[in-house]
N, C-alpha and C. Protein backbone atom coordinates (compact mmCIF):
# COMPACT_ATOMS: atom_id res chain seq x y z
N MET A 1 0.88 -1.37 0.20
CA MET A 1 -0.06 -0.25 0.24
C MET A 1 0.83 0.98 0.03
N ILE A 2 0.66 2.44 -0.67
CA ILE A 2 1.37 3.36 -1.01
C ILE A 2 0.14 4.96 -0.72
N SER A 3 0.82 5.14 0.94
CA SER A 3 0.09 5.76 1.48
C SER A 3 0.11 7.49 1.00
N THR A 4 -0.97 8.23 1.71
CA THR A 4 -1.36 9.52 1.59
C THR A 4 0.47 10.41 1.26
N GLN A 5 1.15 10.06 2.32
CA GLN A 5 2.34 10.54 2.86
C GLN A 5 3.18 10.26 1.53
N ASN A 6 3.09 8.97 1.29
CA ASN A 6 4.17 8.57 0.17
C ASN A 6 3.89 9.11 -0.90
N TRP A 7 2.25 9.36 -1.84
CA TRP A 7 2.76 9.85 -2.44
C TRP A 7 2.68 11.59 -2.33
N ALA A 8 2.75 11.95 -1.43
CA ALA A 8 2.89 13.66 -1.31
C ALA A 8 4.45 13.86 -1.35
N ASP A 9 5.50 12.86 -1.08
CA ASP A 9 6.74 12.78 -0.61
C ASP A 9 7.61 12.39 -2.25
N ALA A 10 6.59 11.84 -2.94
CA ALA A 10 7.07 11.00 -4.61
C ALA A 10 6.73 12.43 -5.05
N ARG A 11 5.62 13.29 -5.10
CA ARG A 11 5.64 14.15 -5.60
C ARG A 11 6.70 15.63 -5.61
N ARG A 12 6.90 15.62 -4.29
CA ARG A 12 7.80 16.44 -4.17
C ARG A 12 9.43 16.50 -4.80
N ALA A 13 9.98 14.74 -4.49
CA ALA A 13 10.55 14.61 -5.47
C ALA A 13 10.63 14.54 -7.08
N TRP A 14 9.74 14.57 -7.57
CA TRP A 14 9.61 14.50 -9.25
C TRP A 14 9.57 15.83 -9.36
N ASP A 15 9.00 17.19 -8.41
CA ASP A 15 9.11 18.37 -8.77
C ASP A 15 10.87 18.34 -8.60
N TYR A 16 11.15 18.25 -7.93
CA TYR A 16 12.51 18.80 -7.48
C TYR A 16 13.25 18.09 -8.99
N HIS A 17 12.94 16.80 -8.99
CA HIS A 17 13.71 16.22 -10.53
C HIS A 17 13.42 17.30 -11.70
N GLN A 18 12.70 17.48 -11.69
CA GLN A 18 12.60 18.61 -13.04
C GLN A 18 13.05 19.83 -12.92
N MET A 19 14.32 20.49 -14.01
CA MET A 19 14.64 21.79 -13.73
C MET A 19 13.88 23.22 -14.22
N GLY A 20 12.73 22.76 -14.92
CA GLY A 20 12.19 23.93 -15.28
C GLY A 20 13.02 24.87 -16.32
N HIS A 21 13.71 24.18 -17.17
CA HIS A 21 14.26 25.09 -18.50
C HIS A 21 12.48 25.07 -19.47
N SER A 22 13.06 26.20 -19.92
CA SER A 22 12.26 26.20 -21.26
C SER A 22 13.04 25.90 -22.63
N PRO A 23 12.56 25.07 -23.07
CA PRO A 23 13.14 24.51 -24.07
C PRO A 23 13.59 25.95 -25.69
N ARG A 24 14.92 25.91 -25.76
CA ARG A 24 15.18 27.31 -26.93
C ARG A 24 16.73 26.61 -27.32
N PRO A 25 16.69 27.29 -28.98
CA PRO A 25 17.66 26.37 -29.76
C PRO A 25 18.97 26.27 -28.92
N CYS A 26 19.58 25.15 -29.45
CA CYS A 26 20.89 24.95 -29.27
C CYS A 26 21.93 24.08 -30.19
N SER A 27 22.64 23.70 -30.01
CA SER A 27 23.81 23.49 -31.17
C SER A 27 23.21 22.20 -31.49
N VAL A 28 22.90 21.27 -30.76
CA VAL A 28 22.74 19.71 -30.29
C VAL A 28 21.72 19.56 -30.11
N ALA A 29 20.60 18.35 -29.96
CA ALA A 29 20.06 17.83 -28.70
C ALA A 29 20.53 16.02 -28.94
N ILE A 30 20.79 16.05 -27.29
CA ILE A 30 21.44 15.08 -27.00
C ILE A 30 19.87 13.98 -26.35
N GLY A 31 20.31 12.91 -26.73
CA GLY A 31 18.64 11.87 -26.05
C GLY A 31 19.04 11.11 -25.18
N LEU A 32 19.13 11.00 -23.80
CA LEU A 32 19.67 10.08 -22.97
C LEU A 32 19.16 8.40 -23.27
N GLY A 33 20.01 7.69 -23.40
CA GLY A 33 18.83 6.62 -23.86
C GLY A 33 18.20 5.73 -22.51
N SER A 34 17.59 5.22 -22.49
CA SER A 34 16.68 4.28 -21.72
C SER A 34 15.60 3.53 -21.96
N HIS A 35 15.02 2.62 -21.03
CA HIS A 35 13.61 1.83 -21.48
C HIS A 35 12.89 2.89 -21.78
N ASP A 36 12.54 4.05 -22.31
CA ASP A 36 11.36 4.99 -22.59
C ASP A 36 11.74 5.66 -23.83
N LEU A 37 11.09 4.86 -24.71
CA LEU A 37 11.62 5.56 -25.98
C LEU A 37 10.21 7.08 -25.87
N GLY A 38 9.81 7.72 -24.98
CA GLY A 38 9.26 8.83 -24.83
C GLY A 38 10.32 10.07 -25.25
N VAL A 39 11.80 9.64 -24.61
CA VAL A 39 12.92 10.62 -25.02
C VAL A 39 13.18 10.80 -26.18
N ALA A 40 12.86 9.44 -27.05
CA ALA A 40 13.33 9.84 -28.82
C ALA A 40 11.85 10.84 -29.46
N ASP A 41 10.93 10.68 -28.71
CA ASP A 41 9.78 11.36 -29.06
C ASP A 41 10.01 12.38 -28.94
N ARG A 42 10.65 13.18 -27.91
CA ARG A 42 10.39 14.39 -27.34
C ARG A 42 11.60 15.14 -28.23
N ALA A 43 12.53 14.26 -28.60
CA ALA A 43 13.54 14.74 -29.23
C ALA A 43 13.25 15.31 -30.80
N VAL A 44 12.64 14.23 -31.02
CA VAL A 44 12.07 14.62 -32.57
C VAL A 44 11.04 16.04 -32.71
N ASP A 45 10.18 15.83 -31.69
CA ASP A 45 9.44 17.24 -30.96
C ASP A 45 10.19 18.11 -31.08
N LEU A 46 11.21 18.34 -30.34
CA LEU A 46 11.74 19.89 -30.29
C LEU A 46 12.58 19.65 -31.60
N TYR A 47 13.15 19.17 -32.23
CA TYR A 47 14.04 19.17 -33.34
C TYR A 47 13.03 19.58 -34.44
N LYS A 48 11.81 19.33 -35.02
CA LYS A 48 10.57 19.35 -36.00
C LYS A 48 10.48 21.23 -35.35
N ARG A 49 10.38 21.86 -33.75
CA ARG A 49 10.15 23.14 -33.76
C ARG A 49 11.11 23.77 -33.99
N GLY A 50 12.47 23.64 -34.79
CA GLY A 50 13.73 24.48 -34.50
C GLY A 50 14.75 24.31 -33.42
N MET A 51 14.55 23.17 -32.52
CA MET A 51 15.17 23.91 -30.78
C MET A 51 16.93 23.03 -31.43
N ALA A 52 17.05 22.19 -32.75
CA ALA A 52 18.39 22.07 -32.74
C ALA A 52 18.55 21.41 -34.01
N PRO A 53 19.57 21.95 -35.07
CA PRO A 53 19.71 21.02 -36.28
C PRO A 53 19.84 19.42 -36.34
N LEU A 54 20.42 19.30 -35.01
CA LEU A 54 20.95 17.86 -34.89
C LEU A 54 20.66 17.53 -34.12
N LEU A 55 20.45 15.85 -33.89
CA LEU A 55 19.97 14.65 -32.87
C LEU A 55 21.11 13.86 -32.99
N LEU A 56 21.51 13.45 -31.43
CA LEU A 56 22.50 12.44 -31.39
C LEU A 56 21.79 11.83 -30.02
N PHE A 57 21.51 10.67 -30.33
CA PHE A 57 20.89 9.68 -29.55
C PHE A 57 22.04 8.86 -28.80
N THR A 58 22.41 8.73 -27.52
CA THR A 58 23.33 7.65 -26.91
C THR A 58 22.69 6.69 -25.58
N GLY A 59 23.60 5.49 -25.86
CA GLY A 59 23.14 4.24 -24.72
C GLY A 59 23.39 3.08 -25.92
N ALA A 60 24.00 2.26 -24.86
CA ALA A 60 24.22 0.99 -25.05
C ALA A 60 22.68 0.14 -24.66
N THR A 61 22.89 -0.81 -24.09
CA THR A 61 22.06 -1.73 -23.40
C THR A 61 21.83 -1.56 -21.92
N SER A 62 21.00 -2.29 -20.99
CA SER A 62 21.16 -2.40 -19.66
C SER A 62 20.24 -3.38 -19.52
N PRO A 63 20.39 -4.59 -18.13
CA PRO A 63 19.61 -5.13 -17.85
C PRO A 63 17.91 -4.94 -18.18
N THR A 64 17.77 -3.57 -18.32
CA THR A 64 16.26 -3.36 -18.16
C THR A 64 16.07 -3.36 -19.44
N THR A 65 16.91 -3.25 -20.66
CA THR A 65 16.71 -2.89 -22.22
C THR A 65 16.86 -3.52 -23.22
N ARG A 66 17.60 -4.66 -22.65
CA ARG A 66 18.36 -6.03 -23.26
C ARG A 66 17.22 -6.41 -24.39
N GLU A 67 16.00 -6.73 -23.38
CA GLU A 67 15.19 -7.66 -24.43
C GLU A 67 14.10 -6.74 -25.10
N ARG A 68 14.02 -5.57 -24.65
CA ARG A 68 13.29 -4.54 -25.96
C ARG A 68 13.77 -3.78 -26.39
N MET A 69 15.51 -3.97 -26.22
CA MET A 69 16.24 -3.15 -27.63
C MET A 69 17.40 -3.49 -27.81
N PRO A 70 17.15 -4.52 -28.40
CA PRO A 70 18.36 -5.57 -28.55
C PRO A 70 19.68 -5.14 -29.57
N ARG A 71 19.27 -4.36 -30.63
CA ARG A 71 20.29 -3.52 -31.29
C ARG A 71 20.75 -2.68 -30.35
N GLY A 72 20.44 -2.02 -29.30
CA GLY A 72 20.87 -0.69 -28.38
C GLY A 72 20.29 0.28 -28.01
N GLU A 73 20.03 0.83 -27.29
CA GLU A 73 19.30 1.69 -27.25
C GLU A 73 19.20 3.01 -27.82
N ALA A 74 20.59 3.47 -28.23
CA ALA A 74 20.56 4.90 -29.17
C ALA A 74 20.23 4.25 -30.57
N VAL A 75 20.49 2.95 -31.06
CA VAL A 75 20.24 2.62 -31.93
C VAL A 75 18.43 2.61 -32.21
N HIS A 76 18.10 2.17 -30.96
CA HIS A 76 16.44 1.78 -31.34
C HIS A 76 15.85 3.50 -31.18
N TYR A 77 16.49 4.39 -30.41
CA TYR A 77 16.20 5.67 -30.79
C TYR A 77 16.39 6.56 -31.98
N ARG A 78 17.44 6.25 -32.56
CA ARG A 78 17.09 6.92 -34.12
C ARG A 78 16.36 6.22 -34.98
N GLU A 79 15.76 4.62 -35.08
CA GLU A 79 15.24 4.05 -35.84
C GLU A 79 13.71 4.90 -35.73
N ARG A 80 13.23 5.41 -34.11
CA ARG A 80 11.96 5.67 -33.93
C ARG A 80 12.17 7.09 -34.22
N ALA A 81 13.19 7.80 -34.34
CA ALA A 81 13.06 9.06 -35.01
C ALA A 81 13.23 9.45 -36.53
N VAL A 82 13.95 8.40 -37.20
CA VAL A 82 14.00 8.38 -38.71
C VAL A 82 12.33 8.03 -39.09
N GLU A 83 11.48 7.27 -38.28
CA GLU A 83 10.48 6.52 -38.39
C GLU A 83 9.22 7.90 -38.42
N LEU A 84 10.07 8.74 -37.31
CA LEU A 84 8.76 9.55 -37.21
C LEU A 84 8.90 10.96 -38.23
N GLY A 85 10.01 10.88 -39.02
CA GLY A 85 10.01 11.91 -40.13
C GLY A 85 11.51 12.62 -40.27
N VAL A 86 12.24 12.47 -39.13
CA VAL A 86 13.59 13.02 -39.32
C VAL A 86 14.73 12.74 -40.57
N PRO A 87 15.57 13.43 -40.90
CA PRO A 87 16.41 12.75 -42.21
C PRO A 87 17.49 12.07 -41.25
N SER A 88 17.74 11.07 -41.95
CA SER A 88 18.83 10.07 -41.13
C SER A 88 20.26 10.45 -40.97
N SER A 89 20.51 11.61 -41.58
CA SER A 89 21.62 12.53 -41.84
C SER A 89 21.97 13.45 -40.91
N ASP A 90 20.53 13.62 -40.32
CA ASP A 90 20.60 14.44 -38.91
C ASP A 90 20.49 13.81 -37.74
N VAL A 91 20.87 12.35 -37.52
CA VAL A 91 20.79 11.85 -36.49
C VAL A 91 21.86 10.98 -36.20
N LEU A 92 22.96 11.22 -35.15
CA LEU A 92 23.74 10.80 -34.37
C LEU A 92 23.63 9.57 -33.78
N VAL A 93 24.52 8.63 -33.69
CA VAL A 93 24.45 7.73 -32.69
C VAL A 93 25.50 7.07 -32.09
N GLU A 94 25.39 7.53 -30.79
CA GLU A 94 26.72 6.95 -30.06
C GLU A 94 26.21 5.51 -29.22
N PRO A 95 26.50 4.51 -29.37
CA PRO A 95 26.06 3.42 -28.80
C PRO A 95 26.45 2.50 -27.87
N ARG A 96 27.41 3.21 -27.00
CA ARG A 96 28.56 2.20 -26.33
C ARG A 96 28.16 2.87 -24.77
N ALA A 97 27.62 4.01 -24.30
CA ALA A 97 27.38 4.59 -22.88
C ALA A 97 26.49 3.82 -22.07
N ARG A 98 26.89 3.13 -21.09
CA ARG A 98 26.24 2.67 -20.04
C ARG A 98 25.70 3.18 -19.03
N ASN A 99 25.87 4.32 -18.59
CA ASN A 99 25.70 5.51 -17.77
C ASN A 99 25.48 7.15 -17.82
N THR A 100 25.39 7.52 -17.15
CA THR A 100 25.07 8.98 -17.63
C THR A 100 26.16 9.67 -17.94
N GLY A 101 27.54 8.93 -16.92
CA GLY A 101 28.84 10.41 -17.29
C GLY A 101 29.24 9.85 -18.71
N GLU A 102 29.19 8.63 -19.25
CA GLU A 102 29.72 8.21 -20.38
C GLU A 102 28.69 8.47 -21.36
N ASN A 103 27.48 8.63 -21.25
CA ASN A 103 26.91 9.61 -22.24
C ASN A 103 27.45 10.66 -22.47
N ILE A 104 27.52 11.56 -21.40
CA ILE A 104 27.76 13.11 -21.80
C ILE A 104 29.39 12.48 -22.36
N ARG A 105 30.34 11.72 -21.77
CA ARG A 105 31.93 11.85 -22.41
C ARG A 105 31.80 11.59 -23.81
N PHE A 106 31.00 10.39 -24.23
CA PHE A 106 31.01 9.63 -25.68
C PHE A 106 30.52 10.42 -26.82
N SER A 107 29.51 11.30 -25.89
CA SER A 107 28.57 12.14 -27.09
C SER A 107 29.49 13.65 -27.17
N ARG A 108 29.95 14.01 -26.19
CA ARG A 108 31.02 15.01 -26.37
C ARG A 108 32.13 14.51 -27.66
N GLU A 109 33.05 13.63 -27.24
CA GLU A 109 34.17 12.44 -28.26
C GLU A 109 33.09 13.16 -29.65
N LEU A 110 32.19 12.22 -29.99
CA LEU A 110 31.46 11.81 -30.98
C LEU A 110 31.45 13.31 -31.52
N LEU A 111 30.65 13.81 -31.24
CA LEU A 111 30.68 15.76 -32.05
C LEU A 111 32.08 16.27 -32.28
N GLU A 112 32.70 15.87 -31.66
CA GLU A 112 34.26 16.50 -31.82
C GLU A 112 35.10 15.66 -33.11
N GLU A 113 34.44 14.65 -33.14
CA GLU A 113 35.54 13.90 -34.18
C GLU A 113 34.48 14.14 -35.45
N ALA A 114 33.21 14.50 -35.30
CA ALA A 114 32.34 14.83 -36.42
C ALA A 114 32.56 16.48 -36.84
N GLY A 115 33.51 17.30 -36.11
CA GLY A 115 33.64 18.40 -36.71
C GLY A 115 32.49 19.58 -36.18
N VAL A 116 31.51 19.01 -35.23
CA VAL A 116 30.15 19.80 -34.78
C VAL A 116 30.75 20.71 -33.83
N GLU A 117 30.69 22.06 -33.74
CA GLU A 117 30.85 23.32 -32.89
C GLU A 117 29.94 23.52 -32.27
N VAL A 118 29.93 22.62 -30.80
CA VAL A 118 28.90 23.00 -29.32
C VAL A 118 28.97 24.25 -28.46
N SER A 119 28.38 24.94 -28.46
CA SER A 119 28.04 26.18 -27.71
C SER A 119 27.04 25.74 -26.72
N SER A 120 26.08 25.03 -27.03
CA SER A 120 24.89 24.80 -26.20
C SER A 120 24.69 23.55 -26.56
N VAL A 121 23.90 22.95 -25.49
CA VAL A 121 23.08 21.21 -25.73
C VAL A 121 22.06 21.22 -25.09
N LEU A 122 21.19 20.57 -25.94
CA LEU A 122 19.23 20.51 -25.19
C LEU A 122 19.56 19.01 -24.98
N LEU A 123 19.51 19.11 -23.72
CA LEU A 123 19.85 17.35 -22.80
C LEU A 123 18.19 16.71 -22.52
N ILE A 124 18.12 15.39 -23.31
CA ILE A 124 16.86 15.62 -23.11
C ILE A 124 17.15 13.59 -22.37
N SER A 125 16.04 14.04 -21.33
CA SER A 125 16.51 12.76 -20.50
C SER A 125 14.74 12.19 -20.27
N LYS A 126 14.33 11.38 -19.48
CA LYS A 126 13.43 10.85 -18.61
C LYS A 126 13.12 11.94 -17.39
N PRO A 127 11.70 12.18 -17.39
CA PRO A 127 11.53 13.44 -16.42
C PRO A 127 12.25 13.52 -15.39
N TYR A 128 12.09 12.27 -14.60
CA TYR A 128 12.92 12.14 -13.58
C TYR A 128 14.48 12.53 -13.37
N GLU A 129 14.94 12.33 -14.08
CA GLU A 129 16.31 12.42 -14.23
C GLU A 129 17.11 13.77 -15.61
N GLU A 130 16.11 14.76 -15.01
CA GLU A 130 16.53 15.90 -15.85
C GLU A 130 17.60 16.69 -14.76
N ARG A 131 17.88 16.39 -13.52
CA ARG A 131 18.27 17.53 -12.60
C ARG A 131 19.73 16.33 -12.84
N ARG A 132 20.11 14.86 -12.50
CA ARG A 132 20.56 14.47 -12.41
C ARG A 132 21.73 14.65 -14.17
N ALA A 133 21.19 14.57 -15.05
CA ALA A 133 21.73 14.86 -16.43
C ALA A 133 22.47 15.99 -16.13
N TYR A 134 21.54 16.89 -16.28
CA TYR A 134 21.89 18.65 -16.32
C TYR A 134 23.11 18.82 -15.30
N ALA A 135 23.28 18.16 -13.61
CA ALA A 135 24.64 18.10 -13.06
C ALA A 135 25.72 17.79 -13.91
N THR A 136 25.17 16.44 -14.49
CA THR A 136 26.67 15.70 -14.87
C THR A 136 27.13 15.97 -16.09
N ALA A 137 26.35 16.84 -16.87
CA ALA A 137 26.77 17.73 -18.51
C ALA A 137 27.32 19.02 -17.90
N ARG A 138 26.90 19.31 -16.77
CA ARG A 138 27.98 20.38 -15.99
C ARG A 138 29.11 20.25 -15.29
N LYS A 139 29.13 18.95 -15.21
CA LYS A 139 30.49 18.62 -14.82
C LYS A 139 31.49 18.44 -15.69
N LEU A 140 30.99 17.70 -16.72
CA LEU A 140 32.02 17.04 -17.74
C LEU A 140 31.77 17.58 -19.11
N TRP A 141 30.94 18.56 -19.17
CA TRP A 141 31.26 19.09 -20.27
C TRP A 141 30.79 20.87 -19.89
N PRO A 142 32.17 21.54 -19.05
CA PRO A 142 32.05 23.16 -18.94
C PRO A 142 32.14 23.60 -20.02
N GLY A 143 31.44 24.89 -19.84
CA GLY A 143 31.66 25.93 -20.89
C GLY A 143 30.90 25.53 -21.52
N VAL A 144 30.17 24.79 -21.99
CA VAL A 144 28.28 24.37 -22.67
C VAL A 144 27.45 24.93 -21.53
N GLU A 145 26.87 25.76 -22.80
CA GLU A 145 25.34 25.98 -21.87
C GLU A 145 24.31 24.57 -21.84
N VAL A 146 23.64 24.35 -20.94
CA VAL A 146 23.03 23.18 -20.96
C VAL A 146 21.52 23.42 -20.75
N VAL A 147 20.56 22.94 -21.72
CA VAL A 147 19.09 22.98 -21.41
C VAL A 147 18.71 21.75 -21.15
N SER A 148 17.78 21.34 -19.89
CA SER A 148 17.23 20.30 -19.82
C SER A 148 15.83 20.08 -20.60
N ALA A 149 15.38 18.88 -20.76
CA ALA A 149 14.28 18.92 -21.64
C ALA A 149 13.64 17.27 -21.31
N SER A 150 12.51 17.23 -21.22
CA SER A 150 11.79 15.84 -20.71
C SER A 150 10.12 15.78 -21.68
N SER A 151 10.03 15.00 -21.59
CA SER A 151 7.98 14.83 -21.90
C SER A 151 7.34 15.24 -21.06
N PRO A 152 6.73 16.45 -21.37
CA PRO A 152 5.97 17.02 -20.27
C PRO A 152 4.76 16.58 -19.60
N MET A 153 4.91 16.07 -18.66
CA MET A 153 3.74 14.87 -17.79
C MET A 153 4.01 14.95 -16.35
N THR A 154 3.12 14.91 -15.82
CA THR A 154 2.91 14.68 -14.67
C THR A 154 3.31 13.13 -14.19
N LEU A 155 3.56 13.33 -12.60
CA LEU A 155 3.77 12.18 -12.03
C LEU A 155 2.48 11.31 -11.99
N ASP A 156 1.49 11.58 -11.84
CA ASP A 156 0.42 10.32 -12.59
C ASP A 156 0.71 9.50 -13.65
N GLU A 157 0.74 10.28 -14.49
CA GLU A 157 1.03 10.26 -16.02
C GLU A 157 2.26 9.78 -16.16
N TYR A 158 2.94 9.44 -15.51
CA TYR A 158 4.28 8.88 -15.73
C TYR A 158 4.13 7.58 -15.32
N VAL A 159 3.12 7.62 -14.22
CA VAL A 159 3.43 6.04 -13.41
C VAL A 159 2.01 5.48 -14.12
N ASN A 160 1.22 6.02 -15.36
CA ASN A 160 0.01 5.32 -15.50
C ASN A 160 1.07 4.55 -17.09
N SER A 161 1.46 5.40 -17.27
CA SER A 161 2.54 5.09 -18.53
C SER A 161 3.47 3.94 -18.39
N ILE A 162 3.79 3.40 -16.69
CA ILE A 162 5.22 2.90 -16.65
C ILE A 162 4.09 1.83 -15.71
N GLY A 163 3.17 1.82 -15.19
CA GLY A 163 2.65 0.11 -14.82
C GLY A 163 2.91 0.12 -13.45
N ASP A 164 3.51 0.65 -13.03
CA ASP A 164 3.98 0.54 -11.92
C ASP A 164 4.60 1.27 -10.35
N ALA A 165 3.57 1.95 -10.17
CA ALA A 165 4.13 2.80 -9.10
C ALA A 165 5.09 2.78 -8.10
N ARG A 166 5.22 1.63 -7.59
CA ARG A 166 6.28 1.37 -6.48
C ARG A 166 7.78 1.60 -7.39
N LEU A 167 7.75 0.89 -8.26
CA LEU A 167 8.80 1.01 -9.06
C LEU A 167 9.74 2.91 -9.73
N VAL A 168 8.21 3.42 -9.94
CA VAL A 168 8.64 4.76 -10.26
C VAL A 168 8.92 5.38 -9.07
N ILE A 169 8.65 5.24 -7.74
CA ILE A 169 8.70 5.97 -6.78
C ILE A 169 10.45 5.11 -5.70
N ASP A 170 10.61 4.24 -6.48
CA ASP A 170 12.10 3.11 -6.01
C ASP A 170 12.71 4.17 -7.01
N MET A 171 12.48 4.82 -8.15
CA MET A 171 13.81 5.37 -8.91
C MET A 171 13.82 6.79 -8.65
N LEU A 172 12.93 7.56 -8.09
CA LEU A 172 13.09 8.54 -7.64
C LEU A 172 13.81 9.09 -6.87
N VAL A 173 13.53 8.16 -5.60
CA VAL A 173 14.71 7.97 -4.55
C VAL A 173 15.56 7.65 -5.14
N GLY A 174 15.67 6.69 -6.12
CA GLY A 174 17.75 6.22 -6.39
C GLY A 174 18.17 7.63 -6.71
N ALA A 175 17.16 8.33 -7.90
CA ALA A 175 17.80 9.44 -8.52
C ALA A 175 18.10 10.58 -7.65
N LEU A 176 17.67 10.68 -6.50
CA LEU A 176 18.00 11.61 -5.36
C LEU A 176 19.28 10.92 -4.80
N GLN A 177 19.52 10.16 -4.02
CA GLN A 177 20.45 9.25 -3.36
C GLN A 177 21.85 10.04 -4.51
N ARG A 178 21.42 9.85 -5.55
CA ARG A 178 22.89 10.16 -6.40
C ARG A 178 23.28 11.42 -6.45
N LEU A 179 22.16 12.54 -6.76
CA LEU A 179 22.33 13.70 -6.59
C LEU A 179 22.79 14.09 -5.02
N MET A 180 22.72 13.18 -4.44
CA MET A 180 23.41 13.71 -2.76
C MET A 180 25.04 13.11 -2.83
N ILE A 181 25.14 12.00 -3.50
CA ILE A 181 26.93 11.44 -2.75
C ILE A 181 27.58 11.66 -4.22
N TYR A 182 26.93 11.95 -5.29
CA TYR A 182 27.81 11.92 -6.69
C TYR A 182 28.79 12.86 -6.97
N PRO A 183 28.62 14.49 -6.30
CA PRO A 183 29.15 15.46 -6.15
C PRO A 183 30.52 15.10 -5.68
N GLU A 184 30.78 14.55 -4.38
CA GLU A 184 31.94 13.87 -3.55
C GLU A 184 32.57 13.48 -4.40
N GLN A 185 31.90 12.75 -5.10
CA GLN A 185 32.77 11.53 -6.31
C GLN A 185 33.34 12.24 -7.77
N GLY A 186 32.91 13.28 -7.71
CA GLY A 186 33.64 13.83 -8.88
C GLY A 186 32.53 13.63 -9.71
N PHE A 187 31.13 13.16 -9.95
CA PHE A 187 30.60 12.56 -11.12
C PHE A 187 29.47 13.88 -11.63
N MET A 188 29.18 14.75 -10.66
CA MET A 188 28.10 16.04 -10.80
C MET A 188 28.68 16.94 -10.28
N ILE A 189 28.30 18.08 -10.58
CA ILE A 189 28.49 18.85 -9.83
C ILE A 189 27.17 19.11 -8.51
N SER A 190 27.48 19.90 -7.32
CA SER A 190 26.57 19.85 -6.20
C SER A 190 25.02 20.96 -6.60
N GLN A 191 24.25 19.96 -6.53
CA GLN A 191 22.96 21.10 -6.40
C GLN A 191 22.20 21.24 -5.13
N PRO A 192 21.61 22.32 -5.08
CA PRO A 192 21.02 22.74 -3.54
C PRO A 192 19.93 21.86 -3.57
N LEU A 193 20.02 21.40 -2.51
CA LEU A 193 19.00 20.25 -1.81
C LEU A 193 17.80 20.91 -0.71
N PRO A 194 16.75 21.32 -1.05
CA PRO A 194 15.90 21.74 -0.06
C PRO A 194 15.46 21.03 1.40
N ALA A 195 15.46 21.20 2.34
CA ALA A 195 15.17 20.29 3.71
C ALA A 195 13.80 19.88 3.14
N ASP A 196 12.63 20.04 2.40
CA ASP A 196 11.49 19.52 2.33
C ASP A 196 11.99 18.06 1.39
N VAL A 197 12.94 18.45 0.39
CA VAL A 197 13.21 17.01 -0.54
C VAL A 197 14.14 16.03 0.21
N ILE A 198 14.67 16.41 1.16
CA ILE A 198 15.80 15.60 2.12
C ILE A 198 14.97 15.08 2.89
N GLU A 199 13.63 15.48 3.24
CA GLU A 199 13.18 15.20 4.53
C GLU A 199 11.87 13.97 3.31
N ALA A 200 11.71 14.29 2.62
CA ALA A 200 10.74 13.34 1.45
C ALA A 200 11.18 12.04 1.04
N TYR A 201 12.65 12.47 1.10
CA TYR A 201 13.48 11.40 0.58
C TYR A 201 13.87 10.39 2.09
N GLU A 202 14.35 10.77 2.60
CA GLU A 202 14.55 10.44 3.97
C GLU A 202 13.05 9.24 4.87
N ARG A 203 11.65 9.96 4.17
CA ARG A 203 10.23 9.26 4.81
C ARG A 203 10.45 8.30 3.91
N LEU A 204 10.71 8.11 2.69
CA LEU A 204 10.80 7.31 1.10
C LEU A 204 11.17 5.90 1.43
N CYS A 205 12.93 6.73 1.62
CA CYS A 205 13.52 5.14 2.42
C CYS A 205 13.19 4.67 3.23
N GLN A 206 12.55 5.19 4.85
CA GLN A 206 12.07 4.54 6.08
C GLN A 206 11.04 3.39 5.36
N ALA A 207 10.21 4.25 4.02
CA ALA A 207 8.88 3.51 4.11
C ALA A 207 9.44 2.05 2.72
N GLY A 208 10.31 1.88 2.52
CA GLY A 208 10.84 0.95 1.98
C GLY A 208 11.11 1.17 0.36
N PHE A 209 11.51 2.04 0.13
CA PHE A 209 11.31 2.53 -1.31
C PHE A 209 12.67 2.75 -1.88
N THR A 210 13.65 1.41 -1.68
CA THR A 210 14.79 1.53 -1.63
C THR A 210 15.05 0.56 -2.47
N SER A 211 14.80 -0.24 -3.72
CA SER A 211 15.39 -1.06 -4.24
C SER A 211 16.37 0.06 -5.36
N ARG A 212 16.46 0.91 -5.78
CA ARG A 212 17.24 1.62 -6.98
C ARG A 212 18.50 2.28 -5.90
N LEU A 213 18.51 1.78 -4.72
CA LEU A 213 19.57 2.75 -3.85
C LEU A 213 20.80 2.28 -3.94
N LEU A 214 21.92 3.03 -4.24
CA LEU A 214 23.33 2.00 -4.30
C LEU A 214 24.08 2.09 -2.81
N THR A 215 24.63 0.49 -2.97
CA THR A 215 25.06 0.08 -1.63
C THR A 215 26.55 0.17 -1.43
N THR A 216 26.86 0.26 -2.73
CA THR A 216 28.67 0.20 -3.04
C THR A 216 29.01 1.16 -2.60
N ASP A 217 30.55 1.16 -2.10
CA ASP A 217 31.61 2.44 -2.05
C ASP A 217 31.59 3.37 -3.61
N MET A 218 31.85 2.45 -4.47
CA MET A 218 32.01 3.33 -5.59
C MET A 218 30.78 2.78 -6.62
N PRO A 219 30.26 3.69 -7.04
CA PRO A 219 29.18 3.54 -7.82
C PRO A 219 29.21 4.12 -9.15
N SER A 220 28.63 3.77 -10.25
CA SER A 220 29.29 4.05 -11.58
C SER A 220 28.18 5.41 -11.91
N ALA A 221 28.61 6.46 -12.12
CA ALA A 221 27.87 7.21 -12.87
C ALA A 221 26.77 7.22 -13.88
C-alpha cells in the first residue's frame, strides 16, 4: 500500500528532479538512452520545432532494455526518429555509453570527431532524470550551456505509462540519492537540496522505497 504521505513525498521528489527550463535553440539535442522511447519522441518534437539542427542519441543496453532494445538504446531511438520523419543524416548514434557520465563523455567525443561546434546542448532525458543529467553535463562539459528537457507529464501520467507505481517511486528515490553522493565522487556538480526534499527522501527510504539505492562505495555514474 502506498500511503497519502508516500505520494506527497514522491510528488515533491518528482518536482525537484525537473529543472523547469524552457526549451530554446541549441547547437545539438542529445537524447539519453533508457527504456523510455518517449525520450526519442520528445527529441523529435523539439527538432521539428527548430530547437536543434542535429539529434544525437546515446546508450548501449542495460538489464532493463536488453530484451526490448536488443540493438541498443541509441540505435532504437534513431530508428524511432527516422520513422517519425527526421532525415537519417540529421541523427548521430553513440552506442557504447552505459551510464550518464559515459553518455556525456562519449557524446562530446563523437561531436568533436564529427567537427560539430557545440556551444549549447538540449539535453533530453526521462522526466525524473533531468537534474541528474544536467548536473553531470555541467561537470563533464564545462563551458557549454545545458538546457534540460523531457516529455511534459505529471507524476500520475508517468506512473500510468510505466504501470508500476512502486518502481517509479523507487527510481525517484534512487535518483535523489545519486544527487546527494555523486558530487563528492566527482561525477556531477552539486545541486541545492531543500530541506523538504531531504525529508521526503528520508521518509520514502524509511517506507521501503529502496530498490534503486546504491550500496557500493564506488558507484557508476
